[in-house]
């Protein structure tokens, strides 16, 4: 099943490969769905939202995991059962030795105070964000459970090799307005930012900007499918996306160095969510359209129910095997 988020909840899409498209049902009423993720260590799916971090073992019933900060923007987990949450304001919390029973009863969270000791911490703010920052993404490589990678809006990329106790900055050479990170492996990352798309193969010690030559510099979503890197972008920030001169684009990077545009079924809609579905790319747009690509091209497989205005500036997607 495909799980999708909007500004007003989490939706389940069943039958995306069936003729006529998927059935779409709301399964969690929650404001501001930021991330949807699955992890090998746990059954089901996690939803990071402005109202908390939720877990569902089956894509139907949900449990609030009671992170100390209400607004949870990101979630990660290691194969050792450590569960991480990134919040607004920008804090990182960890729960140790989590299992299915702990998820039902509620994990015990501890703040990773070392995250506040990063040298650039006092710079993580913008007036339009109420002078706050948020941890937009967290990742733990499956083959290196001690490593935690964080992307901060606005604050850049940071890395820990001791489970989040101490951190080093990997923000040199990448725009600090991080909208989404995508972890390809323990050293390779794609960063969708407010001013460019960046790629690293050395865990952020150096970054390559990929979007040179294109006007679309405001990136919102990133994913990888079979070695190809995808990202959705527009010319400027969210407030401009309904204007006549909005010019969205979906890009692919096949060589690790440059982009090329991707034709799809809704070229006038900004792609704000991406995920891999068994070797194909699924995309959700600012207007709530859900698309599925493949060898035979792109098709619309679902429409998320509209909220006031477009569906939202983030429409995260996640595939859950069932």
C-alpha atoms as a PDB file:
ATOM      1  CA  UNK A   1       0.000   0.000   0.000  1.00  0.00           C
ATOM      2  CA  UNK A   2       1.032   3.582  -0.617  1.00  0.00           C
ATOM      3  CA  UNK A   3       0.795   5.986   2.334  1.00  0.00           C
ATOM      4  CA  UNK A   4       0.531   9.736   1.653  1.00  0.00           C
ATOM      5  CA  UNK A   5       0.473  12.818   3.844  1.00  0.00           C
ATOM      6  CA  UNK A   6      -1.008  16.290   3.443  1.00  0.00           C
ATOM      7  CA  UNK A   7      -1.579  19.327   5.629  1.00  0.00           C
ATOM      8  CA  UNK A   8      -4.614  17.662   7.203  1.00  0.00           C
ATOM      9  CA  UNK A   9      -3.813  13.970   7.587  1.00  0.00           C
ATOM     10  CA  UNK A  10      -2.420  10.633   6.470  1.00  0.00           C
ATOM     11  CA  UNK A  11      -4.090   8.737   3.638  1.00  0.00           C
ATOM     12  CA  UNK A  12      -3.884   5.132   2.506  1.00  0.00           C
ATOM     13  CA  UNK A  13      -3.972   4.326  -1.212  1.00  0.00           C
ATOM     14  CA  UNK A  14      -4.799   0.718  -2.054  1.00  0.00           C
ATOM     15  CA  UNK A  15      -4.720  -0.724  -5.559  1.00  0.00           C
ATOM     16  CA  UNK A  16      -2.442   1.759  -7.291  1.00  0.00           C
ATOM     17  CA  UNK A  17      -1.805  -0.792 -10.040  1.00  0.00           C
ATOM     18  CA  UNK A  18      -5.466  -1.483 -10.663  1.00  0.00           C
ATOM     19  CA  UNK A  19      -7.347  -0.103 -13.647  1.00  0.00           C
ATOM     20  CA  UNK A  20      -9.204   3.024 -12.588  1.00  0.00           C
ATOM     21  CA  UNK A  21      -6.681   3.945  -9.906  1.00  0.00           C
ATOM     22  CA  UNK A  22      -6.437   3.494  -6.179  1.00  0.00           C
ATOM     23  CA  UNK A  23      -8.966   3.812  -3.419  1.00  0.00           C
ATOM     24  CA  UNK A  24      -8.020   6.700  -1.120  1.00  0.00           C
ATOM     25  CA  UNK A  25      -8.958   6.709   2.576  1.00  0.00           C
ATOM     26  CA  UNK A  26      -7.906   8.959   5.452  1.00  0.00           C
ATOM     27  CA  UNK A  27      -6.385   6.818   8.205  1.00  0.00           C
ATOM     28  CA  UNK A  28      -4.989   9.511  10.545  1.00  0.00           C
ATOM     29  CA  UNK A  29      -6.414  12.961  11.212  1.00  0.00           C
ATOM     30  CA  UNK A  30      -3.317  15.039  11.990  1.00  0.00           C
ATOM     31  CA  UNK A  31      -2.196  18.516  10.997  1.00  0.00           C
ATOM     32  CA  UNK A  32       0.979  19.053   8.984  1.00  0.00           C
ATOM     33  CA  UNK A  33       2.296  15.632   7.965  1.00  0.00           C
ATOM     34  CA  UNK A  34       6.019  16.168   7.403  1.00  0.00           C
ATOM     35  CA  UNK A  35       7.540  12.690   6.965  1.00  0.00           C
ATOM     36  CA  UNK A  36       6.333   9.124   6.471  1.00  0.00           C
ATOM     37  CA  UNK A  37       8.918   6.394   7.005  1.00  0.00           C
ATOM     38  CA  UNK A  38       9.349   2.636   7.397  1.00  0.00           C
ATOM     39  CA  UNK A  39      12.286   0.851   9.060  1.00  0.00           C
ATOM     40  CA  UNK A  40      13.572  -2.710   9.017  1.00  0.00           C
ATOM     41  CA  UNK A  41      13.586  -2.857  12.809  1.00  0.00           C
ATOM     42  CA  UNK A  42       9.843  -2.217  13.106  1.00  0.00           C
ATOM     43  CA  UNK A  43       6.609  -3.291  11.500  1.00  0.00           C
ATOM     44  CA  UNK A  44       4.376  -0.663   9.954  1.00  0.00           C
ATOM     45  CA  UNK A  45       4.901   3.031   9.286  1.00  0.00           C
ATOM     46  CA  UNK A  46       5.798   6.180  11.227  1.00  0.00           C
ATOM     47  CA  UNK A  47       4.247   9.615  10.626  1.00  0.00           C
ATOM     48  CA  UNK A  48       6.031  12.765  11.802  1.00  0.00           C
ATOM     49  CA  UNK A  49       3.488  15.565  12.085  1.00  0.00           C
ATOM     50  CA  UNK A  50       2.941  18.998  13.608  1.00  0.00           C
ATOM     51  CA  UNK A  51       0.819  17.227  16.242  1.00  0.00           C
ATOM     52  CA  UNK A  52       3.338  14.560  17.200  1.00  0.00           C
ATOM     53  CA  UNK A  53       5.009  11.345  16.073  1.00  0.00           C
ATOM     54  CA  UNK A  54       2.631   8.472  15.330  1.00  0.00           C
ATOM     55  CA  UNK A  55       3.164   4.789  14.575  1.00  0.00           C
ATOM     56  CA  UNK A  56       0.850   2.339  12.833  1.00  0.00           C
ATOM     57  CA  UNK A  57       1.588  -1.397  12.579  1.00  0.00           C
ATOM     58  CA  UNK A  58      -0.946  -1.866   9.783  1.00  0.00           C
ATOM     59  CA  UNK A  59      -1.642   1.494   8.133  1.00  0.00           C
ATOM     60  CA  UNK A  60      -4.978   1.697   9.959  1.00  0.00           C
ATOM     61  CA  UNK A  61      -4.610   2.175  13.727  1.00  0.00           C
ATOM     62  CA  UNK A  62      -2.168   4.776  15.091  1.00  0.00           C
ATOM     63  CA  UNK A  63      -0.417   5.416  18.414  1.00  0.00           C
ATOM     64  CA  UNK A  64       0.976   8.777  19.523  1.00  0.00           C
ATOM     65  CA  UNK A  65       4.559   8.139  20.667  1.00  0.00           C
ATOM     66  CA  UNK A  66       4.610  11.246  22.922  1.00  0.00           C
ATOM     67  CA  UNK A  67       7.826  12.950  21.844  1.00  0.00           C
ATOM     68  CA  UNK A  68       8.619  15.782  24.316  1.00  0.00           C
ATOM     69  CA  UNK A  69       8.176  18.452  21.602  1.00  0.00           C
ATOM     70  CA  UNK A  70       4.777  18.359  19.921  1.00  0.00           C
ATOM     71  CA  UNK A  71       5.902  19.361  16.406  1.00  0.00           C
ATOM     72  CA  UNK A  72       7.867  16.417  15.006  1.00  0.00           C
ATOM     73  CA  UNK A  73       9.373  16.954  11.559  1.00  0.00           C
ATOM     74  CA  UNK A  74      11.490  13.821  11.116  1.00  0.00           C
ATOM     75  CA  UNK A  75      12.022  10.273  12.352  1.00  0.00           C
ATOM     76  CA  UNK A  76      14.755   7.654  11.964  1.00  0.00           C
ATOM     77  CA  UNK A  77      15.568   4.236  13.383  1.00  0.00           C
ATOM     78  CA  UNK A  78      18.552   1.962  13.510  1.00  0.00           C
ATOM     79  CA  UNK A  79      18.663  -1.837  13.291  1.00  0.00           C
ATOM     80  CA  UNK A  80      19.537  -1.854  17.012  1.00  0.00           C
ATOM     81  CA  UNK A  81      16.071  -0.611  17.979  1.00  0.00           C
ATOM     82  CA  UNK A  82      17.079   2.992  18.645  1.00  0.00           C
ATOM     83  CA  UNK A  83      14.376   5.407  17.506  1.00  0.00           C
ATOM     84  CA  UNK A  84      15.118   9.081  16.804  1.00  0.00           C
ATOM     85  CA  UNK A  85      12.834  12.097  16.438  1.00  0.00           C
ATOM     86  CA  UNK A  86      13.698  15.556  15.089  1.00  0.00           C
ATOM     87  CA  UNK A  87      11.507  18.458  16.110  1.00  0.00           C
ATOM     88  CA  UNK A  88      10.636  22.142  15.862  1.00  0.00           C
ATOM     89  CA  UNK A  89      12.313  23.905  17.655  1.00  0.00           C
ATOM     90  CA  UNK A  90      15.409  22.044  16.483  1.00  0.00           C
ATOM     91  CA  UNK A  91      16.081  19.221  18.943  1.00  0.00           C
ATOM     92  CA  UNK A  92      16.898  15.547  18.471  1.00  0.00           C
ATOM     93  CA  UNK A  93      15.502  12.904  20.835  1.00  0.00           C
ATOM     94  CA  UNK A  94      16.295   9.210  21.124  1.00  0.00           C
ATOM     95  CA  UNK A  95      14.440   6.230  22.592  1.00  0.00           C
ATOM     96  CA  UNK A  96      16.600   3.191  23.410  1.00  0.00           C
ATOM     97  CA  UNK A  97      15.895  -0.516  22.805  1.00  0.00           C
ATOM     98  CA  UNK A  98      12.476   0.089  21.301  1.00  0.00           C
ATOM     99  CA  UNK A  99      10.404  -2.928  20.256  1.00  0.00           C
ATOM    100  CA  UNK A 100       6.809  -3.490  19.199  1.00  0.00           C
ATOM    101  CA  UNK A 101       5.619  -3.584  22.820  1.00  0.00           C
ATOM    102  CA  UNK A 102       7.397  -0.319  23.582  1.00  0.00           C
ATOM    103  CA  UNK A 103       5.723   1.308  20.600  1.00  0.00           C
ATOM    104  CA  UNK A 104       2.328   0.293  21.971  1.00  0.00           C
ATOM    105  CA  UNK A 105       3.074   1.467  25.509  1.00  0.00           C
ATOM    106  CA  UNK A 106       5.098   4.586  24.654  1.00  0.00           C
ATOM    107  CA  UNK A 107       8.907   4.908  24.398  1.00  0.00           C
ATOM    108  CA  UNK A 108      11.011   6.754  26.982  1.00  0.00           C
ATOM    109  CA  UNK A 109      12.632   9.695  25.205  1.00  0.00           C
ATOM    110  CA  UNK A 110      15.941  11.391  26.000  1.00  0.00           C
ATOM    111  CA  UNK A 111      17.237  14.557  24.385  1.00  0.00           C
ATOM    112  CA  UNK A 112      20.594  14.326  22.626  1.00  0.00           C
ATOM    113  CA  UNK A 113      22.053  17.487  24.146  1.00  0.00           C
ATOM    114  CA  UNK A 114      25.188  17.375  22.009  1.00  0.00           C
ATOM    115  CA  UNK A 115      23.113  18.509  19.034  1.00  0.00           C
ATOM    116  CA  UNK A 116      22.742  21.892  20.737  1.00  0.00           C
ATOM    117  CA  UNK A 117      26.534  22.228  21.020  1.00  0.00           C
ATOM    118  CA  UNK A 118      27.199  22.470  17.276  1.00  0.00           C
ATOM    119  CA  UNK A 119      29.178  25.669  16.506  1.00  0.00           C
ATOM    120  CA  UNK A 120      26.560  27.041  14.119  1.00  0.00           C
ATOM    121  CA  UNK A 121      23.595  26.402  16.455  1.00  0.00           C
ATOM    122  CA  UNK A 122      22.973  30.106  17.196  1.00  0.00           C
ATOM    123  CA  UNK A 123      22.615  30.780  13.445  1.00  0.00           C
ATOM    124  CA  UNK A 124      19.719  28.350  12.900  1.00  0.00           C
ATOM    125  CA  UNK A 125      16.896  30.812  12.507  1.00  0.00           C
ATOM    126  CA  UNK A 126      14.964  32.972  10.066  1.00  0.00           C
ATOM    127  CA  UNK A 127      12.463  35.757  10.830  1.00  0.00           C
ATOM    128  CA  UNK A 128       9.825  34.145   8.583  1.00  0.00           C
ATOM    129  CA  UNK A 129      10.188  30.956  10.645  1.00  0.00           C
ATOM    130  CA  UNK A 130       9.572  32.845  13.919  1.00  0.00           C
ATOM    131  CA  UNK A 131      13.346  32.758  14.443  1.00  0.00           C
ATOM    132  CA  UNK A 132      13.183  28.997  14.913  1.00  0.00           C
ATOM    133  CA  UNK A 133      14.640  26.034  13.048  1.00  0.00           C
ATOM    134  CA  UNK A 134      13.385  22.490  12.543  1.00  0.00           C
ATOM    135  CA  UNK A 135      15.092  19.140  12.017  1.00  0.00           C
ATOM    136  CA  UNK A 136      13.670  18.313   8.591  1.00  0.00           C
ATOM    137  CA  UNK A 137      15.317  14.929   8.198  1.00  0.00           C
ATOM    138  CA  UNK A 138      17.090  12.212  10.135  1.00  0.00           C
ATOM    139  CA  UNK A 139      18.765   9.073   8.812  1.00  0.00           C
ATOM    140  CA  UNK A 140      20.589   6.095  10.298  1.00  0.00           C
ATOM    141  CA  UNK A 141      22.420   3.909   7.726  1.00  0.00           C
ATOM    142  CA  UNK A 142      21.313   0.287   8.048  1.00  0.00           C
ATOM    143  CA  UNK A 143      24.904  -0.972   8.034  1.00  0.00           C
ATOM    144  CA  UNK A 144      26.226   1.604  10.522  1.00  0.00           C
ATOM    145  CA  UNK A 145      23.767   2.055  13.408  1.00  0.00           C
ATOM    146  CA  UNK A 146      26.031   4.473  15.283  1.00  0.00           C
ATOM    147  CA  UNK A 147      25.814   7.052  12.501  1.00  0.00           C
ATOM    148  CA  UNK A 148      23.017   9.639  12.579  1.00  0.00           C
ATOM    149  CA  UNK A 149      22.634  12.274   9.864  1.00  0.00           C
ATOM    150  CA  UNK A 150      20.449  15.350  10.369  1.00  0.00           C
ATOM    151  CA  UNK A 151      19.222  18.022   7.968  1.00  0.00           C
ATOM    152  CA  UNK A 152      18.076  21.316   9.490  1.00  0.00           C
ATOM    153  CA  UNK A 153      15.844  24.041   8.061  1.00  0.00           C
ATOM    154  CA  UNK A 154      17.560  26.498   8.373  1.00  0.00           C
ATOM    155  CA  UNK A 155      20.883  25.082   9.602  1.00  0.00           C
ATOM    156  CA  UNK A 156      22.486  22.681   7.132  1.00  0.00           C
ATOM    157  CA  UNK A 157      23.626  19.057   7.442  1.00  0.00           C
ATOM    158  CA  UNK A 158      25.211  17.516  10.541  1.00  0.00           C
ATOM    159  CA  UNK A 159      26.540  14.049  11.394  1.00  0.00           C
ATOM    160  CA  UNK A 160      27.139  11.945  14.477  1.00  0.00           C
ATOM    161  CA  UNK A 161      29.128   8.707  14.663  1.00  0.00           C
ATOM    162  CA  UNK A 162      28.247   7.861  18.263  1.00  0.00           C
ATOM    163  CA  UNK A 163      24.481   7.559  18.184  1.00  0.00           C
ATOM    164  CA  UNK A 164      23.853  11.286  18.418  1.00  0.00           C
ATOM    165  CA  UNK A 165      25.873  12.040  21.548  1.00  0.00           C
ATOM    166  CA  UNK A 166      28.357  14.280  19.716  1.00  0.00           C
ATOM    167  CA  UNK A 167      28.042  15.924  16.305  1.00  0.00           C
ATOM    168  CA  UNK A 168      30.146  17.415  13.516  1.00  0.00           C
ATOM    169  CA  UNK A 169      29.033  19.897  10.875  1.00  0.00           C
ATOM    170  CA  UNK A 170      28.787  18.865   7.232  1.00  0.00           C
ATOM    171  CA  UNK A 171      27.232  22.148   6.052  1.00  0.00           C
ATOM    172  CA  UNK A 172      30.162  23.594   4.117  1.00  0.00           C
ATOM    173  CA  UNK A 173      29.289  23.656   0.407  1.00  0.00           C
ATOM    174  CA  UNK A 174      25.560  22.951   0.770  1.00  0.00           C
ATOM    175  CA  UNK A 175      22.758  25.490   1.149  1.00  0.00           C
ATOM    176  CA  UNK A 176      21.613  25.570   4.776  1.00  0.00           C
ATOM    177  CA  UNK A 177      17.875  25.718   3.940  1.00  0.00           C
ATOM    178  CA  UNK A 178      17.389  21.940   3.997  1.00  0.00           C
ATOM    179  CA  UNK A 179      13.951  20.775   2.820  1.00  0.00           C
ATOM    180  CA  UNK A 180      14.685  17.083   2.391  1.00  0.00           C
ATOM    181  CA  UNK A 181      17.647  14.740   2.603  1.00  0.00           C
ATOM    182  CA  UNK A 182      17.713  11.399   0.872  1.00  0.00           C
ATOM    183  CA  UNK A 183      20.200   8.783   2.045  1.00  0.00           C
ATOM    184  CA  UNK A 184      21.429   6.554  -0.777  1.00  0.00           C
ATOM    185  CA  UNK A 185      24.008   4.801   1.412  1.00  0.00           C
ATOM    186  CA  UNK A 186      26.157   5.629   4.443  1.00  0.00           C
ATOM    187  CA  UNK A 187      28.231   8.124   2.449  1.00  0.00           C
ATOM    188  CA  UNK A 188      25.958   9.239  -0.402  1.00  0.00           C
ATOM    189  CA  UNK A 189      23.285  11.869   0.196  1.00  0.00           C
ATOM    190  CA  UNK A 190      21.018  14.077  -1.893  1.00  0.00           C
ATOM    191  CA  UNK A 191      19.954  17.406  -0.369  1.00  0.00           C
ATOM    192  CA  UNK A 192      16.901  19.269  -1.688  1.00  0.00           C
ATOM    193  CA  UNK A 193      17.264  22.856  -0.463  1.00  0.00           C
ATOM    194  CA  UNK A 194      15.744  26.299  -0.853  1.00  0.00           C
ATOM    195  CA  UNK A 195      18.524  27.230  -3.236  1.00  0.00           C
ATOM    196  CA  UNK A 196      19.702  24.225  -5.190  1.00  0.00           C
ATOM    197  CA  UNK A 197      20.058  20.458  -5.280  1.00  0.00           C
ATOM    198  CA  UNK A 198      23.271  19.083  -3.786  1.00  0.00           C
ATOM    199  CA  UNK A 199      24.956  15.678  -3.866  1.00  0.00           C
ATOM    200  CA  UNK A 200      27.699  14.156  -1.732  1.00  0.00           C
ATOM    201  CA  UNK A 201      29.490  10.802  -1.893  1.00  0.00           C
ATOM    202  CA  UNK A 202      31.700  11.378   1.176  1.00  0.00           C
ATOM    203  CA  UNK A 203      29.090  11.918   3.897  1.00  0.00           C
ATOM    204  CA  UNK A 204      28.984  15.669   3.404  1.00  0.00           C
ATOM    205  CA  UNK A 205      32.697  16.454   3.577  1.00  0.00           C
ATOM    206  CA  UNK A 206      32.247  17.887   0.076  1.00  0.00           C
ATOM    207  CA  UNK A 207      29.149  18.703  -1.974  1.00  0.00           C
ATOM    208  CA  UNK A 208      28.410  19.036  -5.692  1.00  0.00           C
ATOM    209  CA  UNK A 209      25.607  21.279  -6.879  1.00  0.00           C
ATOM    210  CA  UNK A 210      23.552  19.560  -9.573  1.00  0.00           C
ATOM    211  CA  UNK A 211      21.070  22.197 -10.811  1.00  0.00           C
ATOM    212  CA  UNK A 212      23.385  24.531 -12.743  1.00  0.00           C
ATOM    213  CA  UNK A 213      21.742  25.674 -15.971  1.00  0.00           C
ATOM    214  CA  UNK A 214      18.143  25.510 -14.708  1.00  0.00           C
ATOM    215  CA  UNK A 215      15.878  28.235 -13.346  1.00  0.00           C
ATOM    216  CA  UNK A 216      14.165  25.892 -10.896  1.00  0.00           C
ATOM    217  CA  UNK A 217      16.273  26.316  -7.765  1.00  0.00           C
ATOM    218  CA  UNK A 218      13.703  25.742  -4.987  1.00  0.00           C
ATOM    219  CA  UNK A 219      13.766  21.983  -4.316  1.00  0.00           C
ATOM    220  CA  UNK A 220      11.286  20.232  -2.047  1.00  0.00           C
ATOM    221  CA  UNK A 221      11.490  16.451  -2.520  1.00  0.00           C
ATOM    222  CA  UNK A 222      14.219  13.909  -3.293  1.00  0.00           C
ATOM    223  CA  UNK A 223      14.404  10.134  -3.803  1.00  0.00           C
ATOM    224  CA  UNK A 224      16.466   7.431  -5.495  1.00  0.00           C
ATOM    225  CA  UNK A 225      15.283   4.556  -7.692  1.00  0.00           C
ATOM    226  CA  UNK A 226      17.700   1.941  -9.034  1.00  0.00           C
ATOM    227  CA  UNK A 227      20.663   4.290  -8.809  1.00  0.00           C
ATOM    228  CA  UNK A 228      18.936   7.291 -10.394  1.00  0.00           C
ATOM    229  CA  UNK A 229      18.369  10.393  -8.232  1.00  0.00           C
ATOM    230  CA  UNK A 230      15.099  12.330  -8.556  1.00  0.00           C
ATOM    231  CA  UNK A 231      14.022  15.722  -7.222  1.00  0.00           C
ATOM    232  CA  UNK A 232      11.049  18.070  -7.571  1.00  0.00           C
ATOM    233  CA  UNK A 233      11.518  21.834  -7.818  1.00  0.00           C
ATOM    234  CA  UNK A 234      10.033  25.208  -8.687  1.00  0.00           C
ATOM    235  CA  UNK A 235      11.497  28.626  -9.414  1.00  0.00           C
ATOM    236  CA  UNK A 236      10.659  30.140  -6.034  1.00  0.00           C
ATOM    237  CA  UNK A 237       9.100  29.442  -2.643  1.00  0.00           C
ATOM    238  CA  UNK A 238       5.658  28.050  -1.889  1.00  0.00           C
ATOM    239  CA  UNK A 239       3.776  31.350  -1.948  1.00  0.00           C
ATOM    240  CA  UNK A 240       4.488  31.693  -5.691  1.00  0.00           C
ATOM    241  CA  UNK A 241       3.306  28.253  -6.799  1.00  0.00           C
ATOM    242  CA  UNK A 242      -0.214  29.377  -7.713  1.00  0.00           C
ATOM    243  CA  UNK A 243       0.990  32.321  -9.802  1.00  0.00           C
ATOM    244  CA  UNK A 244       1.000  32.339 -13.602  1.00  0.00           C
ATOM    245  CA  UNK A 245       4.792  32.400 -13.816  1.00  0.00           C
ATOM    246  CA  UNK A 246       5.265  29.318 -11.617  1.00  0.00           C
ATOM    247  CA  UNK A 247       7.382  26.804 -13.529  1.00  0.00           C
ATOM    248  CA  UNK A 248       7.708  23.454 -11.743  1.00  0.00           C
ATOM    249  CA  UNK A 249       9.944  20.626 -12.891  1.00  0.00           C
ATOM    250  CA  UNK A 250      10.825  17.068 -11.975  1.00  0.00           C
ATOM    251  CA  UNK A 251      14.486  16.199 -12.533  1.00  0.00           C
ATOM    252  CA  UNK A 252      16.601  13.062 -12.672  1.00  0.00           C
ATOM    253  CA  UNK A 253      20.349  12.709 -12.151  1.00  0.00           C
ATOM    254  CA  UNK A 254      21.777   9.581 -13.754  1.00  0.00           C
ATOM    255  CA  UNK A 255      25.502  10.340 -13.594  1.00  0.00           C
ATOM    256  CA  UNK A 256      25.896  11.929 -10.159  1.00  0.00           C
ATOM    257  CA  UNK A 257      26.850  15.243 -11.738  1.00  0.00           C
ATOM    258  CA  UNK A 258      24.026  16.772 -13.801  1.00  0.00           C
ATOM    259  CA  UNK A 259      20.244  16.915 -14.140  1.00  0.00           C
ATOM    260  CA  UNK A 260      17.776  16.346 -16.928  1.00  0.00           C
ATOM    261  CA  UNK A 261      14.019  17.097 -16.878  1.00  0.00           C
ATOM    262  CA  UNK A 262      11.510  14.268 -16.568  1.00  0.00           C
ATOM    263  CA  UNK A 263       8.229  14.390 -18.490  1.00  0.00           C
ATOM    264  CA  UNK A 264       5.248  13.303 -16.438  1.00  0.00           C
ATOM    265  CA  UNK A 265       1.459  13.428 -16.432  1.00  0.00           C
ATOM    266  CA  UNK A 266       1.014  16.680 -14.457  1.00  0.00           C
ATOM    267  CA  UNK A 267       3.843  18.991 -15.565  1.00  0.00           C
ATOM    268  CA  UNK A 268       2.126  22.130 -14.221  1.00  0.00           C
ATOM    269  CA  UNK A 269       2.050  20.822 -10.636  1.00  0.00           C
ATOM    270  CA  UNK A 270       5.034  21.037  -8.281  1.00  0.00           C
ATOM    271  CA  UNK A 271       6.228  17.639  -7.054  1.00  0.00           C
ATOM    272  CA  UNK A 272       6.435  17.729  -3.249  1.00  0.00           C
ATOM    273  CA  UNK A 273       6.687  14.030  -2.397  1.00  0.00           C
ATOM    274  CA  UNK A 274       8.655  11.133  -3.899  1.00  0.00           C
ATOM    275  CA  UNK A 275       9.242   7.490  -3.037  1.00  0.00           C
ATOM    276  CA  UNK A 276      10.341   4.244  -4.665  1.00  0.00           C
ATOM    277  CA  UNK A 277       7.733   1.534  -5.316  1.00  0.00           C
ATOM    278  CA  UNK A 278       9.364  -1.742  -6.401  1.00  0.00           C
ATOM    279  CA  UNK A 279      11.696  -0.121  -8.921  1.00  0.00           C
ATOM    280  CA  UNK A 280       9.263   2.610  -9.994  1.00  0.00           C
ATOM    281  CA  UNK A 281       8.927   6.204  -8.865  1.00  0.00           C
ATOM    282  CA  UNK A 282       5.784   7.461  -7.150  1.00  0.00           C
ATOM    283  CA  UNK A 283       5.239  11.211  -6.910  1.00  0.00           C
ATOM    284  CA  UNK A 284       2.715  13.451  -5.167  1.00  0.00           C
ATOM    285  CA  UNK A 285       2.150  17.079  -6.090  1.00  0.00           C
ATOM    286  CA  UNK A 286       1.257  20.308  -4.331  1.00  0.00           C
ATOM    287  CA  UNK A 287      -2.285  19.919  -5.662  1.00  0.00           C
ATOM    288  CA  UNK A 288      -2.709  16.394  -4.274  1.00  0.00           C
ATOM    289  CA  UNK A 289      -2.210  14.379  -7.457  1.00  0.00           C
ATOM    290  CA  UNK A 290      -0.496  11.018  -6.963  1.00  0.00           C
ATOM    291  CA  UNK A 291       1.475   9.699  -9.949  1.00  0.00           C
ATOM    292  CA  UNK A 292       3.272   6.451 -10.703  1.00  0.00           C
ATOM    293  CA  UNK A 293       6.034   6.169 -13.271  1.00  0.00           C
ATOM    294  CA  UNK A 294       7.208   3.093 -15.094  1.00  0.00           C
ATOM    295  CA  UNK A 295       8.489   1.678 -18.363  1.00  0.00           C
ATOM    296  CA  UNK A 296       5.168   2.530 -20.003  1.00  0.00           C
ATOM    297  CA  UNK A 297       5.249   6.167 -18.832  1.00  0.00           C
ATOM    298  CA  UNK A 298       3.404   8.051 -16.123  1.00  0.00           C
ATOM    299  CA  UNK A 299      -0.191   7.809 -15.013  1.00  0.00           C
ATOM    300  CA  UNK A 300      -2.358   9.351 -12.325  1.00  0.00           C
ATOM    301  CA  UNK A 301      -3.191   6.698  -9.714  1.00  0.00           C
ATOM    302  CA  UNK A 302      -5.018   8.811  -7.139  1.00  0.00           C
ATOM    303  CA  UNK A 303      -6.130  12.240  -5.975  1.00  0.00           C
ATOM    304  CA  UNK A 304      -5.708  13.221  -2.333  1.00  0.00           C
ATOM    305  CA  UNK A 305      -8.803  14.950  -0.936  1.00  0.00           C
ATOM    306  CA  UNK A 306      -8.458  18.721  -1.178  1.00  0.00           C
ATOM    307  CA  UNK A 307      -7.926  20.865   1.890  1.00  0.00           C
ATOM    308  CA  UNK A 308      -8.374  24.651   1.976  1.00  0.00           C
ATOM    309  CA  UNK A 309      -6.360  25.727  -1.049  1.00  0.00           C
ATOM    310  CA  UNK A 310      -3.869  23.246  -2.545  1.00  0.00           C
ATOM    311  CA  UNK A 311      -3.209  20.085  -0.589  1.00  0.00           C
ATOM    312  CA  UNK A 312      -0.020  21.343   0.967  1.00  0.00           C
ATOM    313  CA  UNK A 313       3.578  22.343   0.524  1.00  0.00           C
ATOM    314  CA  UNK A 314       4.629  18.847   1.648  1.00  0.00           C
ATOM    315  CA  UNK A 315       2.972  15.660   0.452  1.00  0.00           C
ATOM    316  CA  UNK A 316       5.268  12.894   1.735  1.00  0.00           C
ATOM    317  CA  UNK A 317       4.900   9.376   0.372  1.00  0.00           C
ATOM    318  CA  UNK A 318       5.900   5.984   1.716  1.00  0.00           C
ATOM    319  CA  UNK A 319       5.445   2.465   0.357  1.00  0.00           C
ATOM    320  CA  UNK A 320       4.511  -0.183   2.918  1.00  0.00           C
ATOM    321  CA  UNK A 321       4.592  -3.870   1.975  1.00  0.00           C
ATOM    322  CA  UNK A 322       1.465  -5.582   3.225  1.00  0.00           C
END
